[in-house]
PDB file of N, CA and C in Angstrom:
ATOM      1  N   UNK A   1       1.427  -0.531  -0.215  1.00  0.00           N
ATOM      2  CA  UNK A   1       2.465  -0.038  -1.105  1.00  0.00           C
ATOM      3  C   UNK A   1       2.398   1.475  -1.242  1.00  0.00           C
ATOM      4  N   UNK A   2       1.642   2.111  -0.388  1.00  0.00           N
ATOM      5  CA  UNK A   2       1.595   3.560  -0.426  1.00  0.00           C
ATOM      6  C   UNK A   2       0.713   4.118  -1.509  1.00  0.00           C
ATOM      7  N   UNK A   3      -0.258   3.382  -1.956  1.00  0.00           N
ATOM      8  CA  UNK A   3      -1.152   3.861  -3.005  1.00  0.00           C
ATOM      9  C   UNK A   3      -2.230   4.751  -2.406  1.00  0.00           C
ATOM     10  N   UNK A   4      -2.819   5.626  -3.211  1.00  0.00           N
ATOM     11  CA  UNK A   4      -3.858   6.514  -2.682  1.00  0.00           C
ATOM     12  C   UNK A   4      -5.153   5.784  -2.334  1.00  0.00           C
ATOM     13  N   UNK A   5      -5.326   4.563  -2.818  1.00  0.00           N
ATOM     14  CA  UNK A   5      -6.530   3.795  -2.531  1.00  0.00           C
ATOM     15  C   UNK A   5      -6.346   3.027  -1.227  1.00  0.00           C
ATOM     16  N   UNK A   6      -6.467   3.728  -0.134  1.00  0.00           N
ATOM     17  CA  UNK A   6      -6.263   3.130   1.171  1.00  0.00           C
ATOM     18  C   UNK A   6      -7.341   3.624   2.125  1.00  0.00           C
ATOM     19  N   UNK A   7      -7.648   2.831   3.117  1.00  0.00           N
ATOM     20  CA  UNK A   7      -8.608   3.256   4.132  1.00  0.00           C
ATOM     21  C   UNK A   7      -7.893   3.911   5.309  1.00  0.00           C
ATOM     22  N   UNK A   8      -6.599   4.039   5.218  1.00  0.00           N
ATOM     23  CA  UNK A   8      -5.802   4.670   6.259  1.00  0.00           C
ATOM     24  C   UNK A   8      -5.742   6.167   5.967  1.00  0.00           C
ATOM     25  N   UNK A   9      -6.755   6.889   6.391  1.00  0.00           N
ATOM     26  CA  UNK A   9      -6.873   8.324   6.146  1.00  0.00           C
ATOM     27  C   UNK A   9      -6.610   9.104   7.429  1.00  0.00           C
ATOM     28  N   UNK A  10      -6.573  10.413   7.295  1.00  0.00           N
ATOM     29  CA  UNK A  10      -6.267  11.282   8.428  1.00  0.00           C
ATOM     30  C   UNK A  10      -7.318  11.161   9.536  1.00  0.00           C
ATOM     31  N   UNK A  11      -8.593  11.070   9.172  1.00  0.00           N
ATOM     32  CA  UNK A  11      -9.644  10.951  10.199  1.00  0.00           C
ATOM     33  C   UNK A  11      -9.521   9.658  10.988  1.00  0.00           C
ATOM     34  N   UNK A  12      -9.149   8.570  10.323  1.00  0.00           N
ATOM     35  CA  UNK A  12      -8.969   7.313  11.055  1.00  0.00           C
ATOM     36  C   UNK A  12      -7.769   7.394  11.994  1.00  0.00           C
ATOM     37  N   UNK A  13      -6.725   8.088  11.572  1.00  0.00           N
ATOM     38  CA  UNK A  13      -5.565   8.260  12.458  1.00  0.00           C
ATOM     39  C   UNK A  13      -5.915   9.122  13.669  1.00  0.00           C
ATOM     40  N   UNK A  14      -6.787  10.129  13.474  1.00  0.00           N
ATOM     41  CA  UNK A  14      -7.217  10.950  14.616  1.00  0.00           C
ATOM     42  C   UNK A  14      -8.043  10.120  15.596  1.00  0.00           C
ATOM     43  N   UNK A  15      -8.874   9.217  15.070  1.00  0.00           N
ATOM     44  CA  UNK A  15      -9.640   8.324  15.941  1.00  0.00           C
ATOM     45  C   UNK A  15      -8.713   7.415  16.737  1.00  0.00           C
ATOM     46  N   UNK A  16      -7.668   6.910  16.095  1.00  0.00           N
ATOM     47  CA  UNK A  16      -6.706   6.054  16.791  1.00  0.00           C
ATOM     48  C   UNK A  16      -6.016   6.836  17.906  1.00  0.00           C
ATOM     49  N   UNK A  17      -5.747   8.102  17.651  1.00  0.00           N
ATOM     50  CA  UNK A  17      -5.103   8.937  18.672  1.00  0.00           C
ATOM     51  C   UNK A  17      -5.979   9.057  19.913  1.00  0.00           C
ATOM     52  N   UNK A  18      -7.299   9.138  19.720  1.00  0.00           N
ATOM     53  CA  UNK A  18      -8.223   9.284  20.841  1.00  0.00           C
ATOM     54  C   UNK A  18      -8.492   7.939  21.518  1.00  0.00           C
ATOM     55  N   UNK A  19      -8.688   6.892  20.731  1.00  0.00           N
ATOM     56  CA  UNK A  19      -9.158   5.622  21.264  1.00  0.00           C
ATOM     57  C   UNK A  19      -8.050   4.650  21.682  1.00  0.00           C
ATOM     58  N   UNK A  20      -6.893   4.735  21.063  1.00  0.00           N
ATOM     59  CA  UNK A  20      -5.833   3.756  21.308  1.00  0.00           C
ATOM     60  C   UNK A  20      -4.586   4.423  21.867  1.00  0.00           C
ATOM     61  N   UNK A  21      -3.775   3.634  22.501  1.00  0.00           N
ATOM     62  CA  UNK A  21      -2.498   4.117  23.010  1.00  0.00           C
ATOM     63  C   UNK A  21      -1.390   3.652  22.059  1.00  0.00           C
ATOM     64  N   UNK A  22      -1.384   4.232  20.844  1.00  0.00           N
ATOM     65  CA  UNK A  22      -0.381   3.887  19.844  1.00  0.00           C
ATOM     66  C   UNK A  22       0.194   5.182  19.268  1.00  0.00           C
ATOM     67  N   UNK A  23       1.112   5.809  19.981  1.00  0.00           N
ATOM     68  CA  UNK A  23       1.617   7.114  19.548  1.00  0.00           C
ATOM     69  C   UNK A  23       2.322   7.082  18.192  1.00  0.00           C
ATOM     70  N   UNK A  24       2.794   5.933  17.767  1.00  0.00           N
ATOM     71  CA  UNK A  24       3.470   5.852  16.478  1.00  0.00           C
ATOM     72  C   UNK A  24       2.497   6.085  15.320  1.00  0.00           C
ATOM     73  N   UNK A  25       1.195   5.859  15.558  1.00  0.00           N
ATOM     74  CA  UNK A  25       0.187   6.040  14.522  1.00  0.00           C
ATOM     75  C   UNK A  25      -0.461   7.420  14.549  1.00  0.00           C
ATOM     76  N   UNK A  26      -0.141   8.233  15.540  1.00  0.00           N
ATOM     77  CA  UNK A  26      -0.761   9.549  15.653  1.00  0.00           C
ATOM     78  C   UNK A  26      -0.326  10.464  14.507  1.00  0.00           C
ATOM     79  N   UNK A  27      -1.238  11.337  14.046  1.00  0.00           N
ATOM     80  CA  UNK A  27      -0.844  12.307  13.019  1.00  0.00           C
ATOM     81  C   UNK A  27       0.172  13.304  13.574  1.00  0.00           C
ATOM     82  N   UNK A  28       0.968  13.847  12.693  1.00  0.00           N
ATOM     83  CA  UNK A  28       2.017  14.793  13.075  1.00  0.00           C
ATOM     84  C   UNK A  28       1.590  16.178  12.603  1.00  0.00           C
ATOM     85  N   UNK A  29       1.808  17.193  13.438  1.00  0.00           N
ATOM     86  CA  UNK A  29       1.503  18.569  13.041  1.00  0.00           C
ATOM     87  C   UNK A  29       2.781  19.205  12.507  1.00  0.00           C
ATOM     88  N   UNK A  30       2.679  19.801  11.308  1.00  0.00           N
ATOM     89  CA  UNK A  30       3.848  20.453  10.727  1.00  0.00           C
ATOM     90  C   UNK A  30       3.947  21.897  11.226  1.00  0.00           C
ATOM     91  N   UNK A  31       4.857  22.675  10.672  1.00  0.00           N
ATOM     92  CA  UNK A  31       5.112  24.037  11.136  1.00  0.00           C
ATOM     93  C   UNK A  31       3.905  24.955  10.968  1.00  0.00           C
ATOM     94  N   UNK A  32       3.053  24.678  10.000  1.00  0.00           N
ATOM     95  CA  UNK A  32       1.870  25.503   9.764  1.00  0.00           C
ATOM     96  C   UNK A  32       0.706  25.112  10.670  1.00  0.00           C
ATOM     97  N   UNK A  33       0.858  24.092  11.494  1.00  0.00           N
ATOM     98  CA  UNK A  33      -0.196  23.619  12.362  1.00  0.00           C
ATOM     99  C   UNK A  33      -1.134  22.637  11.678  1.00  0.00           C
ATOM    100  N   UNK A  34      -0.808  22.261  10.461  1.00  0.00           N
ATOM    101  CA  UNK A  34      -1.637  21.331   9.701  1.00  0.00           C
ATOM    102  C   UNK A  34      -1.233  19.897  10.040  1.00  0.00           C
ATOM    103  N   UNK A  35      -2.226  19.038  10.215  1.00  0.00           N
ATOM    104  CA  UNK A  35      -1.947  17.641  10.558  1.00  0.00           C
ATOM    105  C   UNK A  35      -1.656  16.854   9.290  1.00  0.00           C
ATOM    106  N   UNK A  36      -0.693  15.964   9.361  1.00  0.00           N
ATOM    107  CA  UNK A  36      -0.370  15.068   8.253  1.00  0.00           C
ATOM    108  C   UNK A  36       0.018  13.716   8.825  1.00  0.00           C
ATOM    109  N   UNK A  37       0.012  12.720   7.955  1.00  0.00           N
ATOM    110  CA  UNK A  37       0.343  11.369   8.401  1.00  0.00           C
ATOM    111  C   UNK A  37       1.770  11.019   7.997  1.00  0.00           C
ATOM    112  N   UNK A  38       2.457  10.355   8.897  1.00  0.00           N
ATOM    113  CA  UNK A  38       3.789   9.851   8.606  1.00  0.00           C
ATOM    114  C   UNK A  38       3.643   8.523   7.869  1.00  0.00           C
ATOM    115  N   UNK A  39       4.483   8.291   6.882  1.00  0.00           N
ATOM    116  CA  UNK A  39       4.438   7.009   6.180  1.00  0.00           C
ATOM    117  C   UNK A  39       4.838   5.901   7.135  1.00  0.00           C
ATOM    118  N   UNK A  40       4.184   4.773   6.984  1.00  0.00           N
ATOM    119  CA  UNK A  40       4.462   3.638   7.845  1.00  0.00           C
ATOM    120  C   UNK A  40       5.761   2.951   7.441  1.00  0.00           C
ATOM    121  N   UNK A  41       6.274   2.131   8.325  1.00  0.00           N
ATOM    122  CA  UNK A  41       7.531   1.433   8.092  1.00  0.00           C
ATOM    123  C   UNK A  41       7.432   0.434   6.951  1.00  0.00           C
ATOM    124  N   UNK A  42       6.244  -0.102   6.734  1.00  0.00           N
ATOM    125  CA  UNK A  42       6.070  -1.121   5.704  1.00  0.00           C
ATOM    126  C   UNK A  42       5.746  -0.535   4.335  1.00  0.00           C
ATOM    127  N   UNK A  43       5.655   0.782   4.206  1.00  0.00           N
ATOM    128  CA  UNK A  43       5.367   1.405   2.927  1.00  0.00           C
ATOM    129  C   UNK A  43       6.606   1.362   2.051  1.00  0.00           C
ATOM    130  N   UNK A  44       6.441   0.914   0.828  1.00  0.00           N
ATOM    131  CA  UNK A  44       7.560   0.794  -0.096  1.00  0.00           C
ATOM    132  C   UNK A  44       7.812   2.106  -0.834  1.00  0.00           C
ATOM    133  N   UNK A  45       9.070   2.363  -1.132  1.00  0.00           N
ATOM    134  CA  UNK A  45       9.426   3.500  -1.973  1.00  0.00           C
ATOM    135  C   UNK A  45       9.100   3.166  -3.425  1.00  0.00           C
ATOM    136  N   UNK A  46       9.044   4.176  -4.285  1.00  0.00           N
ATOM    137  CA  UNK A  46       8.643   3.968  -5.685  1.00  0.00           C
ATOM    138  C   UNK A  46       9.553   2.987  -6.417  1.00  0.00           C
ATOM    139  N   UNK A  47      10.851   3.050  -6.180  1.00  0.00           N
ATOM    140  CA  UNK A  47      11.750   2.125  -6.876  1.00  0.00           C
ATOM    141  C   UNK A  47      11.546   0.684  -6.408  1.00  0.00           C
ATOM    142  N   UNK A  48      11.202   0.492  -5.133  1.00  0.00           N
ATOM    143  CA  UNK A  48      10.917  -0.851  -4.627  1.00  0.00           C
ATOM    144  C   UNK A  48       9.578  -1.369  -5.155  1.00  0.00           C
ATOM    145  N   UNK A  49       8.606  -0.476  -5.302  1.00  0.00           N
ATOM    146  CA  UNK A  49       7.319  -0.878  -5.875  1.00  0.00           C
ATOM    147  C   UNK A  49       7.523  -1.377  -7.298  1.00  0.00           C
ATOM    148  N   UNK A  50       8.371  -0.696  -8.054  1.00  0.00           N
ATOM    149  CA  UNK A  50       8.645  -1.113  -9.426  1.00  0.00           C
ATOM    150  C   UNK A  50       9.310  -2.490  -9.447  1.00  0.00           C
ATOM    151  N   UNK A  51      10.225  -2.730  -8.516  1.00  0.00           N
ATOM    152  CA  UNK A  51      10.874  -4.036  -8.441  1.00  0.00           C
ATOM    153  C   UNK A  51       9.872  -5.149  -8.125  1.00  0.00           C
ATOM    154  N   UNK A  52       8.958  -4.898  -7.199  1.00  0.00           N
ATOM    155  CA  UNK A  52       7.945  -5.892  -6.851  1.00  0.00           C
ATOM    156  C   UNK A  52       7.028  -6.150  -8.040  1.00  0.00           C
ATOM    157  N   UNK A  53       6.616  -5.092  -8.729  1.00  0.00           N
ATOM    158  CA  UNK A  53       5.736  -5.253  -9.898  1.00  0.00           C
ATOM    159  C   UNK A  53       6.445  -6.000 -11.023  1.00  0.00           C
ATOM    160  N   UNK A  54       7.716  -5.695 -11.250  1.00  0.00           N
ATOM    161  CA  UNK A  54       8.484  -6.433 -12.256  1.00  0.00           C
ATOM    162  C   UNK A  54       8.580  -7.910 -11.897  1.00  0.00           C
ATOM    163  N   UNK A  55       8.825  -8.195 -10.620  1.00  0.00           N
ATOM    164  CA  UNK A  55       8.934  -9.582 -10.173  1.00  0.00           C
ATOM    165  C   UNK A  55       7.606 -10.315 -10.357  1.00  0.00           C
ATOM    166  N   UNK A  56       6.497  -9.670  -9.997  1.00  0.00           N
ATOM    167  CA  UNK A  56       5.189 -10.302 -10.160  1.00  0.00           C
ATOM    168  C   UNK A  56       4.841 -10.513 -11.631  1.00  0.00           C
ATOM    169  N   UNK A  57       5.276  -9.592 -12.477  1.00  0.00           N
ATOM    170  CA  UNK A  57       4.994  -9.712 -13.910  1.00  0.00           C
ATOM    171  C   UNK A  57       5.698 -10.945 -14.492  1.00  0.00           C
ATOM    172  N   UNK A  58       6.872 -11.266 -13.975  1.00  0.00           N
ATOM    173  CA  UNK A  58       7.660 -12.399 -14.484  1.00  0.00           C
ATOM    174  C   UNK A  58       7.358 -13.711 -13.774  1.00  0.00           C
ATOM    175  N   UNK A  59       6.588 -13.665 -12.688  1.00  0.00           N
ATOM    176  CA  UNK A  59       6.316 -14.845 -11.881  1.00  0.00           C
ATOM    177  C   UNK A  59       5.481 -15.862 -12.659  1.00  0.00           C
ATOM    178  N   UNK A  60       5.903 -17.106 -12.638  1.00  0.00           N
ATOM    179  CA  UNK A  60       5.202 -18.189 -13.336  1.00  0.00           C
ATOM    180  C   UNK A  60       4.840 -19.282 -12.342  1.00  0.00           C
ATOM    181  N   UNK A  61       3.666 -19.872 -12.532  1.00  0.00           N
ATOM    182  CA  UNK A  61       3.197 -20.991 -11.725  1.00  0.00           C
ATOM    183  C   UNK A  61       2.890 -22.174 -12.635  1.00  0.00           C
ATOM    184  N   UNK A  62       2.883 -23.395 -12.094  1.00  0.00           N
ATOM    185  CA  UNK A  62       2.464 -24.548 -12.889  1.00  0.00           C
ATOM    186  C   UNK A  62       1.009 -24.391 -13.346  1.00  0.00           C
ATOM    187  N   UNK A  63       0.652 -25.076 -14.416  1.00  0.00           N
ATOM    188  CA  UNK A  63      -0.709 -25.014 -14.938  1.00  0.00           C
ATOM    189  C   UNK A  63      -1.710 -25.434 -13.866  1.00  0.00           C
ATOM    190  N   UNK A  64      -2.825 -24.731 -13.832  1.00  0.00           N
ATOM    191  CA  UNK A  64      -3.939 -24.981 -12.921  1.00  0.00           C
ATOM    192  C   UNK A  64      -3.578 -24.820 -11.446  1.00  0.00           C
ATOM    193  N   UNK A  65      -2.447 -24.211 -11.153  1.00  0.00           N
ATOM    194  CA  UNK A  65      -2.066 -23.996  -9.757  1.00  0.00           C
ATOM    195  C   UNK A  65      -2.516 -22.618  -9.284  1.00  0.00           C
ATOM    196  N   UNK A  66      -2.298 -21.617 -10.084  1.00  0.00           N
ATOM    197  CA  UNK A  66      -2.690 -20.248  -9.750  1.00  0.00           C
ATOM    198  C   UNK A  66      -2.932 -19.489 -11.043  1.00  0.00           C
ATOM    199  N   UNK A  67      -3.662 -18.385 -10.924  1.00  0.00           N
ATOM    200  CA  UNK A  67      -3.909 -17.579 -12.109  1.00  0.00           C
ATOM    201  C   UNK A  67      -2.634 -16.826 -12.484  1.00  0.00           C
ATOM    202  N   UNK A  68      -2.639 -16.250 -13.648  1.00  0.00           N
ATOM    203  CA  UNK A  68      -1.489 -15.481 -14.105  1.00  0.00           C
ATOM    204  C   UNK A  68      -1.522 -14.105 -13.442  1.00  0.00           C
ATOM    205  N   UNK A  69      -0.810 -13.963 -12.346  1.00  0.00           N
ATOM    206  CA  UNK A  69      -0.817 -12.719 -11.581  1.00  0.00           C
ATOM    207  C   UNK A  69      -0.190 -11.581 -12.398  1.00  0.00           C
ATOM    208  N   UNK A  70       0.709 -11.915 -13.299  1.00  0.00           N
ATOM    209  CA  UNK A  70       1.341 -10.896 -14.127  1.00  0.00           C
ATOM    210  C   UNK A  70       0.359 -10.106 -14.966  1.00  0.00           C
ATOM    211  N   UNK A  71      -0.788 -10.698 -15.283  1.00  0.00           N
ATOM    212  CA  UNK A  71      -1.806  -9.979 -16.048  1.00  0.00           C
ATOM    213  C   UNK A  71      -2.532  -8.939 -15.208  1.00  0.00           C
ATOM    214  N   UNK A  72      -2.408  -9.001 -13.903  1.00  0.00           N
ATOM    215  CA  UNK A  72      -3.105  -8.082 -12.994  1.00  0.00           C
ATOM    216  C   UNK A  72      -2.189  -6.981 -12.462  1.00  0.00           C
ATOM    217  N   UNK A  73      -1.006  -6.838 -13.031  1.00  0.00           N
ATOM    218  CA  UNK A  73      -0.032  -5.867 -12.545  1.00  0.00           C
ATOM    219  C   UNK A  73       0.184  -4.780 -13.592  1.00  0.00           C
ATOM    220  N   UNK A  74       0.144  -3.537 -13.155  1.00  0.00           N
ATOM    221  CA  UNK A  74       0.460  -2.410 -14.015  1.00  0.00           C
ATOM    222  C   UNK A  74       1.798  -1.835 -13.551  1.00  0.00           C
ATOM    223  N   UNK A  75       2.831  -2.037 -14.342  1.00  0.00           N
ATOM    224  CA  UNK A  75       4.177  -1.628 -13.940  1.00  0.00           C
ATOM    225  C   UNK A  75       4.337  -0.109 -13.995  1.00  0.00           C
ATOM    226  N   UNK A  76       3.672   0.544 -14.935  1.00  0.00           N
ATOM    227  CA  UNK A  76       3.851   1.992 -15.112  1.00  0.00           C
ATOM    228  C   UNK A  76       3.481   2.786 -13.862  1.00  0.00           C
ATOM    229  N   UNK A  77       2.318   2.489 -13.276  1.00  0.00           N
ATOM    230  CA  UNK A  77       1.924   3.233 -12.083  1.00  0.00           C
ATOM    231  C   UNK A  77       2.028   2.412 -10.800  1.00  0.00           C
ATOM    232  N   UNK A  78       2.551   1.192 -10.888  1.00  0.00           N
ATOM    233  CA  UNK A  78       2.804   0.369  -9.702  1.00  0.00           C
ATOM    234  C   UNK A  78       1.545  -0.039  -8.972  1.00  0.00           C
ATOM    235  N   UNK A  79       0.552  -0.514  -9.718  1.00  0.00           N
ATOM    236  CA  UNK A  79      -0.703  -0.889  -9.085  1.00  0.00           C
ATOM    237  C   UNK A  79      -1.154  -2.272  -9.548  1.00  0.00           C
ATOM    238  N   UNK A  80      -2.121  -2.812  -8.821  1.00  0.00           N
ATOM    239  CA  UNK A  80      -2.727  -4.094  -9.140  1.00  0.00           C
ATOM    240  C   UNK A  80      -4.186  -3.842  -9.486  1.00  0.00           C
ATOM    241  N   UNK A  81      -4.751  -4.651 -10.332  1.00  0.00           N
ATOM    242  CA  UNK A  81      -6.154  -4.519 -10.694  1.00  0.00           C
ATOM    243  C   UNK A  81      -6.726  -5.894 -11.025  1.00  0.00           C
ATOM    244  N   UNK A  82      -8.027  -6.000 -10.949  1.00  0.00           N
ATOM    245  CA  UNK A  82      -8.782  -7.211 -11.304  1.00  0.00           C
ATOM    246  C   UNK A  82      -8.386  -8.445 -10.488  1.00  0.00           C
ATOM    247  N   UNK A  83      -7.941  -8.257  -9.259  1.00  0.00           N
ATOM    248  CA  UNK A  83      -7.646  -9.407  -8.413  1.00  0.00           C
ATOM    249  C   UNK A  83      -8.958 -10.003  -7.909  1.00  0.00           C
ATOM    250  N   UNK A  84      -9.041 -11.293  -7.917  1.00  0.00           N
ATOM    251  CA  UNK A  84     -10.165 -12.005  -7.345  1.00  0.00           C
ATOM    252  C   UNK A  84      -9.721 -12.594  -6.004  1.00  0.00           C
ATOM    253  N   UNK A  85     -10.642 -13.062  -5.222  1.00  0.00           N
ATOM    254  CA  UNK A  85     -10.336 -13.590  -3.891  1.00  0.00           C
ATOM    255  C   UNK A  85      -9.393 -14.790  -3.969  1.00  0.00           C
ATOM    256  N   UNK A  86      -9.493 -15.579  -5.020  1.00  0.00           N
ATOM    257  CA  UNK A  86      -8.655 -16.779  -5.139  1.00  0.00           C
ATOM    258  C   UNK A  86      -7.273 -16.466  -5.706  1.00  0.00           C
ATOM    259  N   UNK A  87      -7.033 -15.227  -6.143  1.00  0.00           N
ATOM    260  CA  UNK A  87      -5.723 -14.849  -6.673  1.00  0.00           C
ATOM    261  C   UNK A  87      -4.780 -14.597  -5.514  1.00  0.00           C
TER     262      UNK A  87
END
């Protein structure tokens, strides 16, 4: 969702440029010669993140089927927290 807590950093993209033949993942150099990463196709915009968080907050499951995922969603900053493996 484009959050800063990601393992997709600039150094990993540079490694992909050297080791793999995936030019779409290569870092881009801007006019100043500084390398930056292009957002991926699956990254959501802020308004879409808010829609997904709102939907998850309202999502209901039958008793004992799943945990209340709405309790793990922060709508203000569009993030998830306290997820367990079974969630």
